[in-house]
C-alpha cells in the first residue's frame, strides 16, 4: 500500500513538472502565463511602479526550463525504480 502512495506522489510531481515546462515554453513563444506563480521570485518582490514584472525570457530559457527538465528526468528515474521494486516484490511472493 505504501508503494502505491509513493508512486502516486511521484506521478503527481511529474504531472506538475510537465505543466510547468509547457507554461515555460508558452511564455517564451507568446508571453502567455507571465504572471504565473511559478515564475515569481521566492524572497524578493520584483515590482516597478507597483506592478509585478514578468520574468526575463533569458532566465526562463536558460535557468527555469533546464532546471525543470532536469527535475522531470530525475522524477521519471525515481518512478522507474519504484516500478522495478514493485515488480521485484511481486516475483518474490
PDB file of N, CA and C in Angstrom:
ATOM      1  N   UNK A   1       0.822  -1.199   0.000  1.00  0.00           N
ATOM      2  CA  UNK A   1       0.000   0.000   0.000  1.00  0.00           C
ATOM      3  C   UNK A   1       0.865   1.261   0.000  1.00  0.00           C
ATOM      4  N   UNK A   2       1.947   1.241   0.745  1.00  0.00           N
ATOM      5  CA  UNK A   2       2.813   2.403   0.817  1.00  0.00           C
ATOM      6  C   UNK A   2       3.472   2.683  -0.537  1.00  0.00           C
ATOM      7  N   UNK A   3       3.781   1.635  -1.291  1.00  0.00           N
ATOM      8  CA  UNK A   3       4.392   1.821  -2.608  1.00  0.00           C
ATOM      9  C   UNK A   3       3.452   2.566  -3.545  1.00  0.00           C
ATOM     10  N   UNK A   4       2.151   2.256  -3.478  1.00  0.00           N
ATOM     11  CA  UNK A   4       1.195   2.953  -4.334  1.00  0.00           C
ATOM     12  C   UNK A   4       1.137   4.436  -3.984  1.00  0.00           C
ATOM     13  N   UNK A   5       1.231   4.771  -2.700  1.00  0.00           N
ATOM     14  CA  UNK A   5       1.217   6.171  -2.286  1.00  0.00           C
ATOM     15  C   UNK A   5       2.462   6.886  -2.811  1.00  0.00           C
ATOM     16  N   UNK A   6       3.600   6.229  -2.731  1.00  0.00           N
ATOM     17  CA  UNK A   6       4.837   6.823  -3.248  1.00  0.00           C
ATOM     18  C   UNK A   6       4.742   7.008  -4.759  1.00  0.00           C
ATOM     19  N   UNK A   7       4.232   5.997  -5.430  1.00  0.00           N
ATOM     20  CA  UNK A   7       4.112   6.065  -6.885  1.00  0.00           C
ATOM     21  C   UNK A   7       3.159   7.186  -7.293  1.00  0.00           C
ATOM     22  N   UNK A   8       2.050   7.316  -6.584  1.00  0.00           N
ATOM     23  CA  UNK A   8       1.091   8.386  -6.885  1.00  0.00           C
ATOM     24  C   UNK A   8       1.709   9.760  -6.656  1.00  0.00           C
ATOM     25  N   UNK A   9       2.510   9.889  -5.601  1.00  0.00           N
ATOM     26  CA  UNK A   9       3.165  11.163  -5.322  1.00  0.00           C
ATOM     27  C   UNK A   9       4.145  11.518  -6.440  1.00  0.00           C
ATOM     28  N   UNK A  10       4.898  10.537  -6.913  1.00  0.00           N
ATOM     29  CA  UNK A  10       5.850  10.784  -7.997  1.00  0.00           C
ATOM     30  C   UNK A  10       5.101  11.116  -9.284  1.00  0.00           C
ATOM     31  N   UNK A  11       3.997  10.439  -9.544  1.00  0.00           N
ATOM     32  CA  UNK A  11       3.198  10.734 -10.741  1.00  0.00           C
ATOM     33  C   UNK A  11       2.645  12.162 -10.700  1.00  0.00           C
ATOM     34  N   UNK A  12       2.198  12.598  -9.522  1.00  0.00           N
ATOM     35  CA  UNK A  12       1.709  13.969  -9.374  1.00  0.00           C
ATOM     36  C   UNK A  12       2.841  14.969  -9.613  1.00  0.00           C
ATOM     37  N   UNK A  13       4.024  14.653  -9.108  1.00  0.00           N
ATOM     38  CA  UNK A  13       5.180  15.521  -9.305  1.00  0.00           C
ATOM     39  C   UNK A  13       5.519  15.634 -10.795  1.00  0.00           C
ATOM     40  N   UNK A  14       5.506  14.509 -11.489  1.00  0.00           N
ATOM     41  CA  UNK A  14       5.795  14.502 -12.928  1.00  0.00           C
ATOM     42  C   UNK A  14       4.762  15.343 -13.673  1.00  0.00           C
ATOM     43  N   UNK A  15       3.495  15.196 -13.312  1.00  0.00           N
ATOM     44  CA  UNK A  15       2.432  15.968 -13.959  1.00  0.00           C
ATOM     45  C   UNK A  15       2.655  17.465 -13.754  1.00  0.00           C
ATOM     46  N   UNK A  16       3.007  17.866 -12.542  1.00  0.00           N
ATOM     47  CA  UNK A  16       3.256  19.276 -12.260  1.00  0.00           C
ATOM     48  C   UNK A  16       4.458  19.817 -13.020  1.00  0.00           C
ATOM     49  N   UNK A  17       5.510  19.013 -13.118  1.00  0.00           N
ATOM     50  CA  UNK A  17       6.700  19.443 -13.849  1.00  0.00           C
ATOM     51  C   UNK A  17       6.412  19.585 -15.339  1.00  0.00           C
ATOM     52  N   UNK A  18       5.634  18.651 -15.883  1.00  0.00           N
ATOM     53  CA  UNK A  18       5.277  18.739 -17.302  1.00  0.00           C
ATOM     54  C   UNK A  18       4.454  19.992 -17.578  1.00  0.00           C
ATOM     55  N   UNK A  19       3.534  20.330 -16.665  1.00  0.00           N
ATOM     56  CA  UNK A  19       2.738  21.542 -16.827  1.00  0.00           C
ATOM     57  C   UNK A  19       3.618  22.782 -16.740  1.00  0.00           C
ATOM     58  N   UNK A  20       4.596  22.783 -15.836  1.00  0.00           N
ATOM     59  CA  UNK A  20       5.497  23.926 -15.697  1.00  0.00           C
ATOM     60  C   UNK A  20       6.337  24.107 -16.958  1.00  0.00           C
ATOM     61  N   UNK A  21       6.815  23.016 -17.526  1.00  0.00           N
ATOM     62  CA  UNK A  21       7.607  23.087 -18.760  1.00  0.00           C
ATOM     63  C   UNK A  21       6.746  23.633 -19.890  1.00  0.00           C
ATOM     64  N   UNK A  22       5.509  23.178 -19.975  1.00  0.00           N
ATOM     65  CA  UNK A  22       4.595  23.675 -21.003  1.00  0.00           C
ATOM     66  C   UNK A  22       4.369  25.176 -20.842  1.00  0.00           C
ATOM     67  N   UNK A  23       4.153  25.634 -19.606  1.00  0.00           N
ATOM     68  CA  UNK A  23       3.945  27.059 -19.367  1.00  0.00           C
ATOM     69  C   UNK A  23       5.194  27.864 -19.715  1.00  0.00           C
ATOM     70  N   UNK A  24       6.365  27.306 -19.427  1.00  0.00           N
ATOM     71  CA  UNK A  24       7.608  27.994 -19.784  1.00  0.00           C
ATOM     72  C   UNK A  24       7.758  28.159 -21.274  1.00  0.00           C
ATOM     73  N   UNK A  25       7.469  27.113 -22.020  1.00  0.00           N
ATOM     74  CA  UNK A  25       7.559  27.194 -23.483  1.00  0.00           C
ATOM     75  C   UNK A  25       6.518  28.159 -24.049  1.00  0.00           C
ATOM     76  N   UNK A  26       5.302  28.141 -23.508  1.00  0.00           N
ATOM     77  CA  UNK A  26       4.264  29.062 -23.973  1.00  0.00           C
ATOM     78  C   UNK A  26       4.647  30.505 -23.677  1.00  0.00           C
ATOM     79  N   UNK A  27       5.279  30.741 -22.526  1.00  0.00           N
ATOM     80  CA  UNK A  27       5.716  32.094 -22.189  1.00  0.00           C
ATOM     81  C   UNK A  27       6.766  32.575 -23.185  1.00  0.00           C
ATOM     82  N   UNK A  28       7.692  31.703 -23.538  1.00  0.00           N
ATOM     83  CA  UNK A  28       8.725  32.095 -24.491  1.00  0.00           C
ATOM     84  C   UNK A  28       8.142  32.371 -25.880  1.00  0.00           C
ATOM     85  N   UNK A  29       7.131  31.605 -26.260  1.00  0.00           N
ATOM     86  CA  UNK A  29       6.557  31.758 -27.596  1.00  0.00           C
ATOM     87  C   UNK A  29       5.692  33.003 -27.733  1.00  0.00           C
ATOM     88  N   UNK A  30       4.784  33.216 -26.748  1.00  0.00           N
ATOM     89  CA  UNK A  30       3.831  34.311 -26.938  1.00  0.00           C
ATOM     90  C   UNK A  30       3.566  35.147 -25.684  1.00  0.00           C
ATOM     91  N   UNK A  31       4.330  34.960 -24.615  1.00  0.00           N
ATOM     92  CA  UNK A  31       4.160  35.760 -23.409  1.00  0.00           C
ATOM     93  C   UNK A  31       3.028  35.316 -22.498  1.00  0.00           C
ATOM     94  N   UNK A  32       2.385  34.224 -22.833  1.00  0.00           N
ATOM     95  CA  UNK A  32       1.292  33.704 -22.017  1.00  0.00           C
ATOM     96  C   UNK A  32       1.850  33.215 -20.679  1.00  0.00           C
ATOM     97  N   UNK A  33       1.092  33.312 -19.601  1.00  0.00           N
ATOM     98  CA  UNK A  33       1.453  32.875 -18.250  1.00  0.00           C
ATOM     99  C   UNK A  33       2.526  33.764 -17.614  1.00  0.00           C
ATOM    100  N   UNK A  34       2.619  35.015 -18.016  1.00  0.00           N
ATOM    101  CA  UNK A  34       3.646  35.917 -17.473  1.00  0.00           C
ATOM    102  C   UNK A  34       3.477  36.124 -15.972  1.00  0.00           C
ATOM    103  N   UNK A  35       2.266  36.032 -15.460  1.00  0.00           N
ATOM    104  CA  UNK A  35       2.048  36.253 -14.026  1.00  0.00           C
ATOM    105  C   UNK A  35       1.870  34.939 -13.259  1.00  0.00           C
ATOM    106  N   UNK A  36       2.246  33.826 -13.852  1.00  0.00           N
ATOM    107  CA  UNK A  36       2.134  32.521 -13.189  1.00  0.00           C
ATOM    108  C   UNK A  36       3.035  32.494 -11.954  1.00  0.00           C
ATOM    109  N   UNK A  37       2.534  31.917 -10.862  1.00  0.00           N
ATOM    110  CA  UNK A  37       3.257  31.929  -9.586  1.00  0.00           C
ATOM    111  C   UNK A  37       4.589  31.184  -9.643  1.00  0.00           C
ATOM    112  N   UNK A  38       4.742  30.257 -10.540  1.00  0.00           N
ATOM    113  CA  UNK A  38       5.994  29.511 -10.648  1.00  0.00           C
ATOM    114  C   UNK A  38       7.152  30.351 -11.155  1.00  0.00           C
ATOM    115  N   UNK A  39       6.854  31.466 -11.783  1.00  0.00           N
ATOM    116  CA  UNK A  39       7.896  32.362 -12.281  1.00  0.00           C
ATOM    117  C   UNK A  39       8.275  33.434 -11.259  1.00  0.00           C
ATOM    118  N   UNK A  40       7.483  33.581 -10.197  1.00  0.00           N
ATOM    119  CA  UNK A  40       7.744  34.644  -9.230  1.00  0.00           C
ATOM    120  C   UNK A  40       8.957  34.324  -8.375  1.00  0.00           C
ATOM    121  N   UNK A  41       9.740  35.339  -7.998  1.00  0.00           N
ATOM    122  CA  UNK A  41      10.881  35.110  -7.115  1.00  0.00           C
ATOM    123  C   UNK A  41      10.402  34.730  -5.715  1.00  0.00           C
ATOM    124  N   UNK A  42      11.181  33.903  -5.032  1.00  0.00           N
ATOM    125  CA  UNK A  42      10.783  33.429  -3.715  1.00  0.00           C
ATOM    126  C   UNK A  42      10.934  34.487  -2.628  1.00  0.00           C
ATOM    127  N   UNK A  43      12.046  35.192  -2.622  1.00  0.00           N
ATOM    128  CA  UNK A  43      12.365  36.031  -1.478  1.00  0.00           C
ATOM    129  C   UNK A  43      12.311  37.527  -1.744  1.00  0.00           C
ATOM    130  N   UNK A  44      12.310  37.939  -2.980  1.00  0.00           N
ATOM    131  CA  UNK A  44      12.262  39.373  -3.260  1.00  0.00           C
ATOM    132  C   UNK A  44      11.023  39.676  -4.084  1.00  0.00           C
ATOM    133  N   UNK A  45      10.651  40.921  -4.056  1.00  0.00           N
ATOM    134  CA  UNK A  45       9.463  41.357  -4.766  1.00  0.00           C
ATOM    135  C   UNK A  45       9.902  42.195  -5.961  1.00  0.00           C
ATOM    136  N   UNK A  46       9.785  41.646  -7.166  1.00  0.00           N
ATOM    137  CA  UNK A  46      10.198  42.372  -8.367  1.00  0.00           C
ATOM    138  C   UNK A  46       9.016  43.189  -8.871  1.00  0.00           C
ATOM    139  N   UNK A  47       9.010  44.464  -8.499  1.00  0.00           N
ATOM    140  CA  UNK A  47       7.935  45.332  -8.956  1.00  0.00           C
ATOM    141  C   UNK A  47       8.524  46.633  -9.487  1.00  0.00           C
ATOM    142  N   UNK A  48       7.780  47.246 -10.352  1.00  0.00           N
ATOM    143  CA  UNK A  48       8.138  48.575 -10.854  1.00  0.00           C
ATOM    144  C   UNK A  48       6.849  49.386 -10.875  1.00  0.00           C
ATOM    145  N   UNK A  49       6.802  50.403 -10.081  1.00  0.00           N
ATOM    146  CA  UNK A  49       5.604  51.250 -10.026  1.00  0.00           C
ATOM    147  C   UNK A  49       4.392  50.522  -9.491  1.00  0.00           C
ATOM    148  N   UNK A  50       4.609  49.548  -8.620  1.00  0.00           N
ATOM    149  CA  UNK A  50       3.511  48.793  -8.033  1.00  0.00           C
ATOM    150  C   UNK A  50       3.040  47.617  -8.874  1.00  0.00           C
ATOM    151  N   UNK A  51       3.557  47.472 -10.097  1.00  0.00           N
ATOM    152  CA  UNK A  51       3.175  46.358 -10.963  1.00  0.00           C
ATOM    153  C   UNK A  51       4.256  45.291 -10.935  1.00  0.00           C
ATOM    154  N   UNK A  52       3.822  44.052 -10.874  1.00  0.00           N
ATOM    155  CA  UNK A  52       4.765  42.936 -10.875  1.00  0.00           C
ATOM    156  C   UNK A  52       5.386  42.777 -12.260  1.00  0.00           C
ATOM    157  N   UNK A  53       6.702  42.605 -12.297  1.00  0.00           N
ATOM    158  CA  UNK A  53       7.398  42.441 -13.563  1.00  0.00           C
ATOM    159  C   UNK A  53       7.347  40.986 -14.021  1.00  0.00           C
ATOM    160  N   UNK A  54       7.188  40.762 -15.312  1.00  0.00           N
ATOM    161  CA  UNK A  54       7.245  39.378 -15.813  1.00  0.00           C
ATOM    162  C   UNK A  54       8.691  38.890 -15.772  1.00  0.00           C
ATOM    163  N   UNK A  55       8.892  37.592 -15.792  1.00  0.00           N
ATOM    164  CA  UNK A  55      10.266  37.070 -15.774  1.00  0.00           C
ATOM    165  C   UNK A  55      10.979  37.409 -17.081  1.00  0.00           C
ATOM    166  N   UNK A  56      12.278  37.516 -16.993  1.00  0.00           N
ATOM    167  CA  UNK A  56      13.074  37.775 -18.188  1.00  0.00           C
ATOM    168  C   UNK A  56      13.083  36.505 -19.038  1.00  0.00           C
ATOM    169  N   UNK A  57      12.912  36.654 -20.329  1.00  0.00           N
ATOM    170  CA  UNK A  57      12.817  35.472 -21.207  1.00  0.00           C
ATOM    171  C   UNK A  57      14.105  34.664 -21.212  1.00  0.00           C
ATOM    172  N   UNK A  58      15.253  35.329 -21.075  1.00  0.00           N
ATOM    173  CA  UNK A  58      16.517  34.590 -21.000  1.00  0.00           C
ATOM    174  C   UNK A  58      16.571  33.724 -19.745  1.00  0.00           C
ATOM    175  N   UNK A  59      16.029  34.240 -18.621  1.00  0.00           N
ATOM    176  CA  UNK A  59      16.011  33.455 -17.387  1.00  0.00           C
ATOM    177  C   UNK A  59      15.145  32.213 -17.564  1.00  0.00           C
ATOM    178  N   UNK A  60      13.996  32.377 -18.191  1.00  0.00           N
ATOM    179  CA  UNK A  60      13.100  31.231 -18.410  1.00  0.00           C
ATOM    180  C   UNK A  60      13.802  30.205 -19.299  1.00  0.00           C
ATOM    181  N   UNK A  61      14.444  30.670 -20.361  1.00  0.00           N
ATOM    182  CA  UNK A  61      15.088  29.767 -21.320  1.00  0.00           C
ATOM    183  C   UNK A  61      16.338  29.101 -20.748  1.00  0.00           C
ATOM    184  N   UNK A  62      17.151  29.850 -20.023  1.00  0.00           N
ATOM    185  CA  UNK A  62      18.456  29.346 -19.596  1.00  0.00           C
ATOM    186  C   UNK A  62      18.515  28.822 -18.173  1.00  0.00           C
ATOM    187  N   UNK A  63      17.522  29.149 -17.355  1.00  0.00           N
ATOM    188  CA  UNK A  63      17.548  28.705 -15.958  1.00  0.00           C
ATOM    189  C   UNK A  63      16.316  27.859 -15.625  1.00  0.00           C
ATOM    190  N   UNK A  64      15.134  28.446 -15.803  1.00  0.00           N
ATOM    191  CA  UNK A  64      13.907  27.762 -15.392  1.00  0.00           C
ATOM    192  C   UNK A  64      13.690  26.448 -16.136  1.00  0.00           C
ATOM    193  N   UNK A  65      13.721  26.506 -17.461  1.00  0.00           N
ATOM    194  CA  UNK A  65      13.442  25.290 -18.245  1.00  0.00           C
ATOM    195  C   UNK A  65      14.488  24.186 -18.019  1.00  0.00           C
ATOM    196  N   UNK A  66      15.793  24.485 -18.055  1.00  0.00           N
ATOM    197  CA  UNK A  66      16.754  23.399 -17.802  1.00  0.00           C
ATOM    198  C   UNK A  66      16.610  22.773 -16.417  1.00  0.00           C
ATOM    199  N   UNK A  67      16.366  23.591 -15.401  1.00  0.00           N
ATOM    200  CA  UNK A  67      16.194  23.044 -14.043  1.00  0.00           C
ATOM    201  C   UNK A  67      14.948  22.163 -13.965  1.00  0.00           C
ATOM    202  N   UNK A  68      13.870  22.629 -14.566  1.00  0.00           N
ATOM    203  CA  UNK A  68      12.618  21.874 -14.515  1.00  0.00           C
ATOM    204  C   UNK A  68      12.726  20.593 -15.323  1.00  0.00           C
ATOM    205  N   UNK A  69      13.376  20.644 -16.474  1.00  0.00           N
ATOM    206  CA  UNK A  69      13.555  19.435 -17.281  1.00  0.00           C
ATOM    207  C   UNK A  69      14.452  18.429 -16.571  1.00  0.00           C
ATOM    208  N   UNK A  70      15.468  18.910 -15.875  1.00  0.00           N
ATOM    209  CA  UNK A  70      16.342  18.025 -15.096  1.00  0.00           C
ATOM    210  C   UNK A  70      15.550  17.363 -13.961  1.00  0.00           C
ATOM    211  N   UNK A  71      14.706  18.138 -13.290  1.00  0.00           N
ATOM    212  CA  UNK A  71      13.872  17.591 -12.223  1.00  0.00           C
ATOM    213  C   UNK A  71      12.895  16.552 -12.779  1.00  0.00           C
ATOM    214  N   UNK A  72      12.380  16.797 -13.977  1.00  0.00           N
ATOM    215  CA  UNK A  72      11.470  15.840 -14.613  1.00  0.00           C
ATOM    216  C   UNK A  72      12.189  14.528 -14.915  1.00  0.00           C
ATOM    217  N   UNK A  73      13.390  14.609 -15.467  1.00  0.00           N
ATOM    218  CA  UNK A  73      14.156  13.385 -15.752  1.00  0.00           C
ATOM    219  C   UNK A  73      14.428  12.602 -14.471  1.00  0.00           C
ATOM    220  N   UNK A  74      14.758  13.308 -13.397  1.00  0.00           N
ATOM    221  CA  UNK A  74      15.021  12.648 -12.122  1.00  0.00           C
ATOM    222  C   UNK A  74      13.751  11.969 -11.601  1.00  0.00           C
ATOM    223  N   UNK A  75      12.620  12.656 -11.673  1.00  0.00           N
ATOM    224  CA  UNK A  75      11.361  12.081 -11.194  1.00  0.00           C
ATOM    225  C   UNK A  75      10.982  10.848 -12.013  1.00  0.00           C
ATOM    226  N   UNK A  76      11.259  10.877 -13.305  1.00  0.00           N
ATOM    227  CA  UNK A  76      10.972   9.713 -14.145  1.00  0.00           C
ATOM    228  C   UNK A  76      11.864   8.534 -13.759  1.00  0.00           C
ATOM    229  N   UNK A  77      13.118   8.793 -13.392  1.00  0.00           N
ATOM    230  CA  UNK A  77      14.009   7.728 -12.933  1.00  0.00           C
ATOM    231  C   UNK A  77      13.525   7.144 -11.617  1.00  0.00           C
ATOM    232  N   UNK A  78      13.063   8.014 -10.719  1.00  0.00           N
ATOM    233  CA  UNK A  78      12.532   7.543  -9.438  1.00  0.00           C
ATOM    234  C   UNK A  78      11.307   6.671  -9.673  1.00  0.00           C
ATOM    235  N   UNK A  79      10.437   7.080 -10.574  1.00  0.00           N
ATOM    236  CA  UNK A  79       9.249   6.289 -10.899  1.00  0.00           C
ATOM    237  C   UNK A  79       9.647   4.924 -11.448  1.00  0.00           C
ATOM    238  N   UNK A  80      10.637   4.894 -12.318  1.00  0.00           N
ATOM    239  CA  UNK A  80      11.100   3.628 -12.881  1.00  0.00           C
ATOM    240  C   UNK A  80      11.636   2.711 -11.780  1.00  0.00           C
ATOM    241  N   UNK A  81      12.406   3.287 -10.850  1.00  0.00           N
ATOM    242  CA  UNK A  81      12.921   2.482  -9.735  1.00  0.00           C
ATOM    243  C   UNK A  81      11.794   1.925  -8.878  1.00  0.00           C
ATOM    244  N   UNK A  82      10.771   2.745  -8.617  1.00  0.00           N
ATOM    245  CA  UNK A  82       9.638   2.273  -7.828  1.00  0.00           C
ATOM    246  C   UNK A  82       8.909   1.143  -8.544  1.00  0.00           C
ATOM    247  N   UNK A  83       8.715   1.291  -9.845  1.00  0.00           N
ATOM    248  CA  UNK A  83       8.033   0.240 -10.600  1.00  0.00           C
ATOM    249  C   UNK A  83       8.867  -1.043 -10.626  1.00  0.00           C
ATOM    250  N   UNK A  84      10.188  -0.907 -10.744  1.00  0.00           N
ATOM    251  CA  UNK A  84      11.057  -2.083 -10.703  1.00  0.00           C
ATOM    252  C   UNK A  84      10.984  -2.780  -9.346  1.00  0.00           C
ATOM    253  N   UNK A  85      10.916  -1.965  -8.270  1.00  0.00           N
ATOM    254  CA  UNK A  85      10.793  -2.523  -6.924  1.00  0.00           C
ATOM    255  C   UNK A  85       9.474  -3.273  -6.757  1.00  0.00           C
ATOM    256  N   UNK A  86       8.411  -2.695  -7.286  1.00  0.00           N
ATOM    257  CA  UNK A  86       7.094  -3.327  -7.169  1.00  0.00           C
ATOM    258  C   UNK A  86       7.077  -4.659  -7.905  1.00  0.00           C
ATOM    259  N   UNK A  87       7.640  -4.705  -9.102  1.00  0.00           N
ATOM    260  CA  UNK A  87       7.660  -5.959  -9.857  1.00  0.00           C
ATOM    261  C   UNK A  87       8.578  -6.979  -9.191  1.00  0.00           C
ATOM    262  N   UNK A  88       9.666  -6.525  -8.599  1.00  0.00           N
ATOM    263  CA  UNK A  88      10.564  -7.458  -7.905  1.00  0.00           C
ATOM    264  C   UNK A  88       9.885  -8.053  -6.694  1.00  0.00           C
ATOM    265  N   UNK A  89       9.124  -7.257  -5.965  1.00  0.00           N
ATOM    266  CA  UNK A  89       8.400  -7.781  -4.789  1.00  0.00           C
ATOM    267  C   UNK A  89       7.305  -8.742  -5.228  1.00  0.00           C
ATOM    268  N   UNK A  90       6.699  -8.465  -6.375  1.00  0.00           N
ATOM    269  CA  UNK A  90       5.661  -9.359  -6.875  1.00  0.00           C
ATOM    270  C   UNK A  90       6.215 -10.710  -7.262  1.00  0.00           C
ATOM    271  N   UNK A  91       7.435 -10.734  -7.786  1.00  0.00           N
ATOM    272  CA  UNK A  91       8.065 -12.000  -8.147  1.00  0.00           C
ATOM    273  C   UNK A  91       8.488 -12.794  -6.925  1.00  0.00           C
ATOM    274  N   UNK A  92       8.844 -12.105  -5.843  1.00  0.00           N
ATOM    275  CA  UNK A  92       9.266 -12.776  -4.619  1.00  0.00           C
ATOM    276  C   UNK A  92       8.101 -13.487  -3.939  1.00  0.00           C
ATOM    277  N   UNK A  93       6.910 -12.934  -4.067  1.00  0.00           N
ATOM    278  CA  UNK A  93       5.747 -13.514  -3.391  1.00  0.00           C
ATOM    279  C   UNK A  93       5.205 -14.631  -4.158  1.00  0.00           C
TER     280      UNK A  93
END
